[in-house]
Amino acid sequence: MTEIFVEPELQELENAEQAQEWFEVATELGLDKQLKTADKSEEKKAPPYMYIDPKTSHIIRTLCPRVVDYKKYSASTIPLDVLKEIQKAEKNGWYAAIQICYDDKSPDPFVIGIGHSEEAWNRPLHLIARWGGELIPFELLEQKAIDRMRKKATEALNEMKMRVEMALKNVDSFTGNLLEGDAVPKIEFSCEKINTWL
């Protein structure tokens, strides 16, 4: 099963005449940031895919921590309709990179388009497609991500608790170690954003 994430309100831009009119109106209004990606397209089309907000980005990266350029993806076969969307995005030059996020444990991959921007941290992200055996609804994906993060947080907090309890049992040794230059135990818990992997 596959899902293509074309925004309903942008679907009309698939029509060449509609795309041309959009480009002309945006040009007349001086919307340079809107025109930036469409200007790369031969037909002056803008990318019609769903924008990824930070929360969705974290959900995707929590569930699919492995990220590769689509040309290097080999965990499963990419379905034809997904390949056609990647081909369309490449032909129109909409993205600086197209990546596939996946997980070895349950390979239901996401195709992500990473927009053009001078600042890597500020690149717009678009969800182009996903595929898999059953295509779990996003509400359930969010719960699955919360469960994974809860498990990871619990492990990290328990490890920190153990280190703190050991330090409290022997404060003199702990402070002596600090004076000798040992680092204070830290907790490591983070959720990367998709665009930090460029």
N, C-alpha and C. Protein backbone atom coordinates (compact mmCIF):
# COMPACT_ATOMS: atom_id res chain seq x y z
N MET A 1 0.84 -1.18 0.00
CA MET A 1 0.00 0.00 0.00
C MET A 1 0.88 1.25 0.00
N THR A 2 0.42 2.27 -0.69
CA THR A 2 1.17 3.53 -0.75
C THR A 2 0.24 4.70 -0.43
N GLU A 3 0.87 5.81 -0.03
CA GLU A 3 0.14 7.05 0.21
C GLU A 3 0.99 8.19 -0.33
N ILE A 4 0.40 9.01 -1.19
CA ILE A 4 1.06 10.18 -1.75
C ILE A 4 0.47 11.40 -1.04
N PHE A 5 1.34 12.31 -0.59
CA PHE A 5 0.89 13.43 0.24
C PHE A 5 0.80 14.74 -0.54
N VAL A 6 -0.06 14.75 -1.56
CA VAL A 6 -0.33 15.98 -2.30
C VAL A 6 -1.42 16.73 -1.53
N GLU A 7 -1.15 17.99 -1.19
CA GLU A 7 -2.13 18.81 -0.49
C GLU A 7 -3.32 19.04 -1.41
N PRO A 8 -4.55 18.79 -0.94
CA PRO A 8 -5.73 18.95 -1.80
C PRO A 8 -5.82 20.34 -2.43
N GLU A 9 -5.49 21.38 -1.66
CA GLU A 9 -5.60 22.74 -2.19
C GLU A 9 -4.52 23.08 -3.21
N LEU A 10 -3.49 22.22 -3.32
CA LEU A 10 -2.43 22.45 -4.29
C LEU A 10 -2.50 21.49 -5.48
N GLN A 11 -3.45 20.57 -5.44
CA GLN A 11 -3.58 19.57 -6.50
C GLN A 11 -3.83 20.22 -7.86
N GLU A 12 -4.52 21.37 -7.86
CA GLU A 12 -4.79 22.05 -9.12
C GLU A 12 -3.53 22.50 -9.83
N LEU A 13 -2.42 22.64 -9.09
CA LEU A 13 -1.16 23.07 -9.70
C LEU A 13 -0.56 21.99 -10.60
N GLU A 14 -1.12 20.79 -10.59
CA GLU A 14 -0.68 19.75 -11.50
C GLU A 14 -1.05 20.10 -12.94
N ASN A 15 -2.10 20.88 -13.09
CA ASN A 15 -2.53 21.36 -14.40
C ASN A 15 -1.58 22.47 -14.85
N ALA A 16 -1.01 22.34 -16.05
CA ALA A 16 -0.01 23.31 -16.54
C ALA A 16 -0.55 24.73 -16.59
N GLU A 17 -1.81 24.90 -17.03
CA GLU A 17 -2.39 26.24 -17.10
C GLU A 17 -2.55 26.86 -15.72
N GLN A 18 -3.03 26.05 -14.76
CA GLN A 18 -3.18 26.53 -13.38
C GLN A 18 -1.82 26.89 -12.79
N ALA A 19 -0.82 26.05 -13.06
CA ALA A 19 0.52 26.31 -12.54
C ALA A 19 1.08 27.60 -13.11
N GLN A 20 0.86 27.83 -14.41
CA GLN A 20 1.33 29.06 -15.06
C GLN A 20 0.65 30.29 -14.46
N GLU A 21 -0.66 30.19 -14.24
CA GLU A 21 -1.39 31.32 -13.66
C GLU A 21 -0.91 31.60 -12.23
N TRP A 22 -0.69 30.53 -11.44
CA TRP A 22 -0.16 30.69 -10.08
C TRP A 22 1.18 31.42 -10.12
N PHE A 23 2.05 31.00 -11.05
CA PHE A 23 3.38 31.60 -11.15
C PHE A 23 3.27 33.09 -11.52
N GLU A 24 2.39 33.40 -12.47
CA GLU A 24 2.23 34.80 -12.90
C GLU A 24 1.70 35.68 -11.77
N VAL A 25 0.69 35.20 -11.03
CA VAL A 25 0.12 35.97 -9.93
C VAL A 25 1.15 36.15 -8.81
N ALA A 26 1.85 35.07 -8.46
CA ALA A 26 2.88 35.16 -7.41
C ALA A 26 3.99 36.12 -7.83
N THR A 27 4.35 36.13 -9.12
CA THR A 27 5.38 37.04 -9.63
C THR A 27 4.90 38.49 -9.52
N GLU A 28 3.65 38.72 -9.95
CA GLU A 28 3.09 40.07 -9.90
C GLU A 28 3.04 40.60 -8.46
N LEU A 29 2.75 39.71 -7.52
CA LEU A 29 2.69 40.11 -6.11
C LEU A 29 4.07 40.22 -5.46
N GLY A 30 5.12 39.81 -6.18
CA GLY A 30 6.47 39.89 -5.64
C GLY A 30 6.76 38.87 -4.55
N LEU A 31 6.16 37.71 -4.65
CA LEU A 31 6.33 36.66 -3.63
C LEU A 31 7.58 35.83 -3.94
N ASP A 32 8.74 36.43 -3.75
CA ASP A 32 10.00 35.79 -4.11
C ASP A 32 10.21 34.45 -3.42
N LYS A 33 9.86 34.36 -2.15
CA LYS A 33 10.07 33.10 -1.43
C LYS A 33 9.15 32.00 -1.95
N GLN A 34 7.95 32.37 -2.38
CA GLN A 34 7.03 31.40 -2.98
C GLN A 34 7.56 30.92 -4.33
N LEU A 35 8.16 31.84 -5.07
CA LEU A 35 8.62 31.54 -6.42
C LEU A 35 9.92 30.75 -6.47
N LYS A 36 10.66 30.75 -5.36
CA LYS A 36 12.01 30.17 -5.36
C LYS A 36 12.05 28.74 -5.90
N THR A 37 11.18 27.87 -5.39
CA THR A 37 11.23 26.48 -5.86
C THR A 37 10.53 26.31 -7.20
N ALA A 38 9.45 27.06 -7.43
CA ALA A 38 8.73 26.93 -8.69
C ALA A 38 9.58 27.39 -9.86
N ASP A 39 10.48 28.33 -9.62
CA ASP A 39 11.32 28.87 -10.69
C ASP A 39 12.26 27.81 -11.28
N LYS A 40 12.53 26.77 -10.51
CA LYS A 40 13.42 25.70 -11.00
C LYS A 40 12.69 24.76 -11.96
N SER A 41 11.38 24.76 -11.89
CA SER A 41 10.58 23.85 -12.70
C SER A 41 10.40 24.39 -14.11
N GLU A 42 10.52 23.51 -15.08
CA GLU A 42 10.31 23.90 -16.48
C GLU A 42 8.92 24.50 -16.69
N GLU A 43 7.93 23.94 -16.01
CA GLU A 43 6.55 24.41 -16.17
C GLU A 43 6.17 25.42 -15.10
N LYS A 44 7.15 25.90 -14.34
CA LYS A 44 6.92 26.90 -13.28
C LYS A 44 5.92 26.39 -12.24
N LYS A 45 6.02 25.11 -11.92
CA LYS A 45 5.14 24.52 -10.92
C LYS A 45 5.78 24.60 -9.54
N ALA A 46 4.94 24.76 -8.53
CA ALA A 46 5.39 24.73 -7.13
C ALA A 46 5.18 23.32 -6.59
N PRO A 47 5.97 22.91 -5.60
CA PRO A 47 5.77 21.57 -5.04
C PRO A 47 4.41 21.46 -4.34
N PRO A 48 3.64 20.42 -4.64
CA PRO A 48 2.29 20.29 -4.08
C PRO A 48 2.22 19.44 -2.81
N TYR A 49 3.36 19.05 -2.26
CA TYR A 49 3.37 18.07 -1.17
C TYR A 49 3.17 18.72 0.20
N MET A 50 2.79 17.87 1.15
CA MET A 50 2.48 18.30 2.51
C MET A 50 3.72 18.82 3.25
N TYR A 51 3.61 19.99 3.83
CA TYR A 51 4.68 20.55 4.67
C TYR A 51 4.78 19.72 5.95
N ILE A 52 6.01 19.47 6.39
CA ILE A 52 6.22 18.70 7.63
C ILE A 52 6.51 19.67 8.76
N ASP A 53 5.62 19.70 9.74
CA ASP A 53 5.83 20.53 10.92
C ASP A 53 6.81 19.82 11.86
N PRO A 54 7.37 20.54 12.85
CA PRO A 54 8.36 19.91 13.74
C PRO A 54 7.86 18.65 14.45
N LYS A 55 6.60 18.64 14.87
CA LYS A 55 6.06 17.47 15.57
C LYS A 55 6.05 16.25 14.65
N THR A 56 5.58 16.43 13.42
CA THR A 56 5.56 15.32 12.47
C THR A 56 6.97 14.86 12.15
N SER A 57 7.91 15.81 12.05
CA SER A 57 9.31 15.47 11.82
C SER A 57 9.84 14.57 12.92
N HIS A 58 9.53 14.91 14.17
CA HIS A 58 9.99 14.09 15.30
C HIS A 58 9.35 12.71 15.29
N ILE A 59 8.08 12.64 14.94
CA ILE A 59 7.40 11.34 14.87
C ILE A 59 8.07 10.46 13.82
N ILE A 60 8.32 11.03 12.64
CA ILE A 60 8.95 10.25 11.56
C ILE A 60 10.33 9.78 11.99
N ARG A 61 11.15 10.68 12.55
CA ARG A 61 12.51 10.31 12.93
C ARG A 61 12.55 9.33 14.10
N THR A 62 11.57 9.40 14.98
CA THR A 62 11.52 8.45 16.09
C THR A 62 11.20 7.05 15.58
N LEU A 63 10.27 6.96 14.65
CA LEU A 63 9.85 5.66 14.12
C LEU A 63 10.78 5.15 13.02
N CYS A 64 11.40 6.06 12.29
CA CYS A 64 12.25 5.69 11.16
C CYS A 64 13.60 6.41 11.28
N PRO A 65 14.46 5.95 12.18
CA PRO A 65 15.72 6.66 12.44
C PRO A 65 16.77 6.53 11.35
N ARG A 66 16.63 5.58 10.45
CA ARG A 66 17.61 5.43 9.38
C ARG A 66 17.22 6.33 8.22
N VAL A 67 18.16 7.13 7.74
CA VAL A 67 17.89 8.11 6.69
C VAL A 67 18.96 7.98 5.61
N VAL A 68 18.51 7.80 4.36
CA VAL A 68 19.44 7.72 3.24
C VAL A 68 18.87 8.49 2.05
N ASP A 69 19.75 8.91 1.16
CA ASP A 69 19.33 9.47 -0.11
C ASP A 69 18.54 8.38 -0.84
N TYR A 70 17.49 8.77 -1.53
CA TYR A 70 16.63 7.76 -2.17
C TYR A 70 17.40 6.86 -3.14
N LYS A 71 18.48 7.38 -3.72
CA LYS A 71 19.27 6.57 -4.67
C LYS A 71 20.04 5.45 -3.97
N LYS A 72 20.21 5.57 -2.65
CA LYS A 72 20.96 4.56 -1.90
C LYS A 72 20.06 3.63 -1.10
N TYR A 73 18.77 3.81 -1.18
CA TYR A 73 17.83 3.01 -0.40
C TYR A 73 17.76 1.59 -0.95
N SER A 74 17.89 0.59 -0.05
CA SER A 74 17.85 -0.80 -0.50
C SER A 74 17.11 -1.74 0.46
N ALA A 75 16.42 -1.18 1.46
CA ALA A 75 15.77 -2.03 2.46
C ALA A 75 14.54 -2.77 1.91
N SER A 76 13.88 -2.19 0.93
CA SER A 76 12.72 -2.83 0.29
C SER A 76 12.55 -2.20 -1.09
N THR A 77 11.63 -2.75 -1.88
CA THR A 77 11.38 -2.21 -3.22
C THR A 77 10.52 -0.97 -3.11
N ILE A 78 10.92 0.08 -3.84
CA ILE A 78 10.14 1.31 -3.86
C ILE A 78 9.01 1.12 -4.89
N PRO A 79 7.74 1.29 -4.47
CA PRO A 79 6.62 1.10 -5.41
C PRO A 79 6.66 2.09 -6.57
N LEU A 80 6.06 1.69 -7.68
CA LEU A 80 6.09 2.49 -8.90
C LEU A 80 5.49 3.89 -8.71
N ASP A 81 4.32 4.00 -8.05
CA ASP A 81 3.73 5.33 -7.92
C ASP A 81 4.59 6.25 -7.05
N VAL A 82 5.32 5.69 -6.10
CA VAL A 82 6.25 6.49 -5.29
C VAL A 82 7.44 6.93 -6.15
N LEU A 83 7.95 5.99 -6.97
CA LEU A 83 9.04 6.34 -7.89
C LEU A 83 8.63 7.47 -8.83
N LYS A 84 7.38 7.44 -9.30
CA LYS A 84 6.91 8.49 -10.20
C LYS A 84 6.87 9.85 -9.51
N GLU A 85 6.51 9.87 -8.23
CA GLU A 85 6.50 11.14 -7.48
C GLU A 85 7.93 11.66 -7.28
N ILE A 86 8.85 10.76 -7.00
CA ILE A 86 10.26 11.16 -6.86
C ILE A 86 10.76 11.70 -8.20
N GLN A 87 10.41 11.02 -9.28
CA GLN A 87 10.82 11.46 -10.62
C GLN A 87 10.27 12.86 -10.92
N LYS A 88 9.01 13.09 -10.58
CA LYS A 88 8.38 14.40 -10.81
C LYS A 88 9.10 15.49 -9.99
N ALA A 89 9.39 15.19 -8.73
CA ALA A 89 10.07 16.16 -7.88
C ALA A 89 11.47 16.47 -8.41
N GLU A 90 12.17 15.45 -8.88
CA GLU A 90 13.51 15.65 -9.45
C GLU A 90 13.44 16.47 -10.73
N LYS A 91 12.49 16.12 -11.60
CA LYS A 91 12.35 16.81 -12.88
C LYS A 91 12.08 18.30 -12.67
N ASN A 92 11.29 18.62 -11.64
CA ASN A 92 10.94 20.01 -11.37
C ASN A 92 11.96 20.73 -10.49
N GLY A 93 12.97 20.01 -10.00
CA GLY A 93 14.02 20.65 -9.20
C GLY A 93 13.52 21.26 -7.90
N TRP A 94 12.49 20.66 -7.31
CA TRP A 94 11.89 21.24 -6.12
C TRP A 94 12.75 21.11 -4.87
N TYR A 95 13.63 20.11 -4.83
CA TYR A 95 14.32 19.83 -3.57
C TYR A 95 15.83 19.75 -3.72
N ALA A 96 16.51 20.17 -2.65
CA ALA A 96 17.96 20.05 -2.59
C ALA A 96 18.33 18.58 -2.41
N ALA A 97 17.47 17.84 -1.75
CA ALA A 97 17.69 16.40 -1.54
C ALA A 97 16.35 15.72 -1.33
N ILE A 98 16.30 14.45 -1.71
CA ILE A 98 15.13 13.61 -1.43
C ILE A 98 15.66 12.41 -0.67
N GLN A 99 15.12 12.21 0.53
CA GLN A 99 15.61 11.15 1.39
C GLN A 99 14.49 10.19 1.76
N ILE A 100 14.91 9.00 2.14
CA ILE A 100 13.96 8.00 2.62
C ILE A 100 14.31 7.70 4.06
N CYS A 101 13.32 7.85 4.94
CA CYS A 101 13.45 7.51 6.36
C CYS A 101 12.79 6.15 6.56
N TYR A 102 13.50 5.26 7.26
CA TYR A 102 12.94 3.92 7.47
C TYR A 102 13.51 3.32 8.74
N ASP A 103 12.98 2.18 9.12
CA ASP A 103 13.42 1.46 10.31
C ASP A 103 13.60 0.00 9.92
N ASP A 104 14.69 -0.59 10.34
CA ASP A 104 14.94 -2.00 10.03
C ASP A 104 13.89 -2.92 10.64
N LYS A 105 13.34 -2.54 11.80
CA LYS A 105 12.41 -3.40 12.51
C LYS A 105 11.05 -3.47 11.81
N SER A 106 10.57 -2.34 11.35
CA SER A 106 9.28 -2.32 10.64
C SER A 106 9.40 -1.35 9.48
N PRO A 107 9.87 -1.83 8.35
CA PRO A 107 10.19 -0.93 7.23
C PRO A 107 8.96 -0.39 6.50
N ASP A 108 8.33 0.63 7.08
CA ASP A 108 7.28 1.39 6.40
C ASP A 108 7.87 2.77 6.14
N PRO A 109 8.58 2.93 5.03
CA PRO A 109 9.38 4.14 4.79
C PRO A 109 8.57 5.38 4.44
N PHE A 110 9.20 6.53 4.69
CA PHE A 110 8.68 7.84 4.32
C PHE A 110 9.65 8.46 3.32
N VAL A 111 9.11 9.12 2.29
CA VAL A 111 9.94 9.86 1.33
C VAL A 111 9.81 11.34 1.68
N ILE A 112 10.95 11.97 1.94
CA ILE A 112 10.99 13.36 2.40
C ILE A 112 11.72 14.22 1.37
N GLY A 113 11.12 15.33 0.99
CA GLY A 113 11.78 16.31 0.14
C GLY A 113 12.32 17.44 0.99
N ILE A 114 13.62 17.73 0.84
CA ILE A 114 14.26 18.78 1.63
C ILE A 114 14.51 19.97 0.72
N GLY A 115 13.83 21.06 1.02
CA GLY A 115 13.82 22.22 0.15
C GLY A 115 15.14 22.96 0.05
N HIS A 116 15.17 23.91 -0.86
CA HIS A 116 16.34 24.75 -1.08
C HIS A 116 16.34 25.90 -0.08
N SER A 117 17.48 26.15 0.53
CA SER A 117 17.64 27.28 1.44
C SER A 117 19.12 27.46 1.69
N GLU A 118 19.52 28.73 1.92
CA GLU A 118 20.93 28.99 2.21
C GLU A 118 21.32 28.39 3.55
N GLU A 119 20.40 28.42 4.51
CA GLU A 119 20.67 27.89 5.85
C GLU A 119 20.13 26.47 5.94
N ALA A 120 21.02 25.51 6.20
CA ALA A 120 20.61 24.11 6.27
C ALA A 120 19.56 23.88 7.35
N TRP A 121 19.63 24.62 8.44
CA TRP A 121 18.71 24.42 9.56
C TRP A 121 17.30 24.91 9.23
N ASN A 122 17.16 25.73 8.18
CA ASN A 122 15.90 26.36 7.87
C ASN A 122 15.27 25.82 6.57
N ARG A 123 15.67 24.66 6.15
CA ARG A 123 15.14 24.12 4.90
C ARG A 123 13.73 23.57 5.12
N PRO A 124 12.80 23.93 4.24
CA PRO A 124 11.45 23.37 4.38
C PRO A 124 11.46 21.87 4.05
N LEU A 125 10.66 21.14 4.79
CA LEU A 125 10.55 19.70 4.58
C LEU A 125 9.15 19.38 4.08
N HIS A 126 9.07 18.50 3.08
CA HIS A 126 7.78 18.06 2.56
C HIS A 126 7.70 16.55 2.60
N LEU A 127 6.55 16.06 3.00
CA LEU A 127 6.28 14.63 2.99
C LEU A 127 5.71 14.28 1.63
N ILE A 128 6.51 13.54 0.85
CA ILE A 128 6.11 13.20 -0.52
C ILE A 128 5.25 11.94 -0.54
N ALA A 129 5.71 10.89 0.16
CA ALA A 129 4.99 9.62 0.10
C ALA A 129 5.43 8.72 1.24
N ARG A 130 4.69 7.65 1.41
CA ARG A 130 5.09 6.55 2.29
C ARG A 130 4.47 5.27 1.75
N TRP A 131 5.03 4.16 2.16
CA TRP A 131 4.46 2.87 1.74
C TRP A 131 4.74 1.84 2.81
N GLY A 132 3.97 0.75 2.74
CA GLY A 132 4.14 -0.31 3.71
C GLY A 132 3.00 -1.31 3.62
N GLY A 133 3.05 -2.28 4.50
CA GLY A 133 2.06 -3.35 4.48
C GLY A 133 0.66 -2.90 4.82
N GLU A 134 0.51 -1.98 5.79
CA GLU A 134 -0.83 -1.59 6.20
C GLU A 134 -1.07 -0.09 6.30
N LEU A 135 -0.05 0.73 6.27
CA LEU A 135 -0.17 2.19 6.37
C LEU A 135 -1.00 2.61 7.59
N ILE A 136 -0.36 2.52 8.74
CA ILE A 136 -0.99 2.89 10.00
C ILE A 136 -1.38 4.37 9.97
N PRO A 137 -2.59 4.73 10.44
CA PRO A 137 -2.98 6.14 10.49
C PRO A 137 -2.03 6.96 11.37
N PHE A 138 -1.90 8.26 11.07
CA PHE A 138 -0.95 9.11 11.78
C PHE A 138 -1.21 9.17 13.28
N GLU A 139 -2.47 9.09 13.70
CA GLU A 139 -2.77 9.12 15.13
C GLU A 139 -2.10 7.94 15.84
N LEU A 140 -2.14 6.77 15.20
CA LEU A 140 -1.50 5.59 15.79
C LEU A 140 0.01 5.67 15.68
N LEU A 141 0.51 6.26 14.59
CA LEU A 141 1.96 6.46 14.47
C LEU A 141 2.47 7.36 15.59
N GLU A 142 1.69 8.41 15.89
CA GLU A 142 2.08 9.31 16.97
C GLU A 142 2.16 8.56 18.30
N GLN A 143 1.16 7.71 18.58
CA GLN A 143 1.17 6.94 19.82
C GLN A 143 2.35 5.97 19.86
N LYS A 144 2.65 5.37 18.72
CA LYS A 144 3.80 4.45 18.62
C LYS A 144 5.11 5.21 18.91
N ALA A 145 5.21 6.44 18.38
CA ALA A 145 6.40 7.27 18.62
C ALA A 145 6.49 7.65 20.09
N ILE A 146 5.36 8.00 20.70
CA ILE A 146 5.34 8.35 22.13
C ILE A 146 5.81 7.16 22.96
N ASP A 147 5.33 5.97 22.63
CA ASP A 147 5.72 4.77 23.37
C ASP A 147 7.24 4.53 23.26
N ARG A 148 7.78 4.70 22.04
CA ARG A 148 9.24 4.52 21.87
C ARG A 148 10.03 5.57 22.64
N MET A 149 9.57 6.82 22.58
CA MET A 149 10.26 7.89 23.30
C MET A 149 10.17 7.69 24.81
N ARG A 150 9.01 7.24 25.28
CA ARG A 150 8.83 6.98 26.71
C ARG A 150 9.81 5.91 27.18
N LYS A 151 9.96 4.85 26.39
CA LYS A 151 10.89 3.79 26.74
C LYS A 151 12.33 4.31 26.78
N LYS A 152 12.69 5.09 25.76
CA LYS A 152 14.04 5.66 25.69
C LYS A 152 14.28 6.62 26.86
N ALA A 153 13.29 7.46 27.17
CA ALA A 153 13.42 8.42 28.27
C ALA A 153 13.54 7.70 29.61
N THR A 154 12.73 6.65 29.79
CA THR A 154 12.78 5.89 31.05
C THR A 154 14.15 5.27 31.25
N GLU A 155 14.71 4.68 30.20
CA GLU A 155 16.05 4.08 30.30
C GLU A 155 17.10 5.13 30.63
N ALA A 156 17.04 6.29 29.95
CA ALA A 156 18.02 7.34 30.18
C ALA A 156 17.89 7.92 31.59
N LEU A 157 16.66 8.14 32.05
CA LEU A 157 16.44 8.70 33.39
C LEU A 157 16.85 7.71 34.49
N ASN A 158 16.56 6.42 34.28
CA ASN A 158 16.98 5.42 35.26
C ASN A 158 18.50 5.32 35.36
N GLU A 159 19.18 5.43 34.22
CA GLU A 159 20.64 5.41 34.24
C GLU A 159 21.17 6.63 34.99
N MET A 160 20.58 7.79 34.75
CA MET A 160 21.01 9.00 35.45
C MET A 160 20.73 8.87 36.95
N LYS A 161 19.56 8.33 37.29
CA LYS A 161 19.20 8.13 38.70
C LYS A 161 20.23 7.24 39.39
N MET A 162 20.64 6.15 38.71
CA MET A 162 21.62 5.24 39.28
C MET A 162 22.96 5.97 39.53
N ARG A 163 23.38 6.78 38.56
CA ARG A 163 24.65 7.52 38.72
C ARG A 163 24.57 8.53 39.86
N VAL A 164 23.42 9.21 39.98
CA VAL A 164 23.24 10.18 41.06
C VAL A 164 23.24 9.48 42.41
N GLU A 165 22.53 8.34 42.50
CA GLU A 165 22.49 7.60 43.75
C GLU A 165 23.89 7.10 44.14
N MET A 166 24.68 6.65 43.17
CA MET A 166 26.05 6.21 43.46
C MET A 166 26.89 7.39 43.95
N ALA A 167 26.71 8.56 43.33
CA ALA A 167 27.47 9.74 43.74
C ALA A 167 27.06 10.18 45.15
N LEU A 168 25.77 10.08 45.47
CA LEU A 168 25.29 10.47 46.80
C LEU A 168 25.80 9.53 47.89
N LYS A 169 26.01 8.26 47.55
CA LYS A 169 26.51 7.31 48.53
C LYS A 169 27.95 7.63 48.94
N ASN A 170 28.68 8.24 48.03
CA ASN A 170 30.08 8.57 48.33
C ASN A 170 30.40 9.95 47.75
N VAL A 171 29.86 10.98 48.42
CA VAL A 171 30.03 12.36 47.95
C VAL A 171 31.49 12.77 47.95
N ASP A 172 32.27 12.30 48.95
CA ASP A 172 33.69 12.68 49.01
C ASP A 172 34.44 12.18 47.77
N SER A 173 34.19 10.95 47.38
CA SER A 173 34.84 10.40 46.19
C SER A 173 34.39 11.15 44.94
N PHE A 174 33.08 11.45 44.86
CA PHE A 174 32.53 12.16 43.71
C PHE A 174 33.17 13.54 43.56
N THR A 175 33.24 14.29 44.68
CA THR A 175 33.83 15.64 44.60
C THR A 175 35.33 15.56 44.33
N GLY A 176 35.98 14.54 44.88
CA GLY A 176 37.41 14.36 44.60
C GLY A 176 37.64 14.11 43.11
N ASN A 177 36.80 13.28 42.51
CA ASN A 177 36.91 13.02 41.08
C ASN A 177 36.68 14.28 40.26
N LEU A 178 35.72 15.11 40.70
CA LEU A 178 35.46 16.36 39.99
C LEU A 178 36.69 17.28 40.05
N LEU A 179 37.32 17.34 41.22
CA LEU A 179 38.52 18.18 41.38
C LEU A 179 39.66 17.68 40.49
N GLU A 180 39.68 16.40 40.22
CA GLU A 180 40.71 15.83 39.35
C GLU A 180 40.37 15.99 37.87
N GLY A 181 39.20 16.56 37.58
CA GLY A 181 38.85 16.84 36.18
C GLY A 181 37.84 15.91 35.56
N ASP A 182 37.29 14.97 36.32
CA ASP A 182 36.25 14.10 35.76
C ASP A 182 35.00 14.91 35.43
N ALA A 183 34.32 14.51 34.39
CA ALA A 183 33.11 15.21 33.97
C ALA A 183 31.92 14.80 34.83
N VAL A 184 31.00 15.70 34.98
CA VAL A 184 29.76 15.42 35.71
C VAL A 184 28.90 14.52 34.83
N PRO A 185 28.31 13.46 35.38
CA PRO A 185 27.44 12.60 34.57
C PRO A 185 26.31 13.40 33.93
N LYS A 186 26.06 13.12 32.67
CA LYS A 186 25.01 13.83 31.95
C LYS A 186 23.97 12.84 31.44
N ILE A 187 22.80 13.37 31.20
CA ILE A 187 21.75 12.56 30.59
C ILE A 187 21.76 12.83 29.09
N GLU A 188 21.69 11.79 28.30
CA GLU A 188 21.66 11.93 26.84
C GLU A 188 20.29 11.49 26.34
N PHE A 189 19.54 12.46 25.86
CA PHE A 189 18.22 12.14 25.30
C PHE A 189 17.88 13.22 24.29
N SER A 190 17.76 12.80 23.04
CA SER A 190 17.44 13.79 22.01
C SER A 190 16.63 13.14 20.90
N CYS A 191 15.99 13.99 20.12
CA CYS A 191 15.26 13.54 18.95
C CYS A 191 15.70 14.43 17.81
N GLU A 192 16.44 13.85 16.87
CA GLU A 192 16.98 14.65 15.76
C GLU A 192 15.88 15.06 14.81
N LYS A 193 16.16 16.14 14.09
CA LYS A 193 15.26 16.58 13.03
C LYS A 193 15.74 15.96 11.73
N ILE A 194 14.84 15.81 10.81
CA ILE A 194 15.20 15.19 9.53
C ILE A 194 16.28 15.98 8.81
N ASN A 195 16.14 17.31 8.77
CA ASN A 195 17.08 18.10 7.96
C ASN A 195 18.46 18.25 8.58
N THR A 196 18.71 17.70 9.76
CA THR A 196 20.08 17.75 10.31
C THR A 196 20.95 16.68 9.69
N TRP A 197 20.37 15.81 8.87
CA TRP A 197 21.14 14.71 8.29
C TRP A 197 21.66 15.02 6.90
N LEU A 198 21.56 16.27 6.47
CA LEU A 198 22.08 16.61 5.14
C LEU A 198 23.57 16.76 5.17
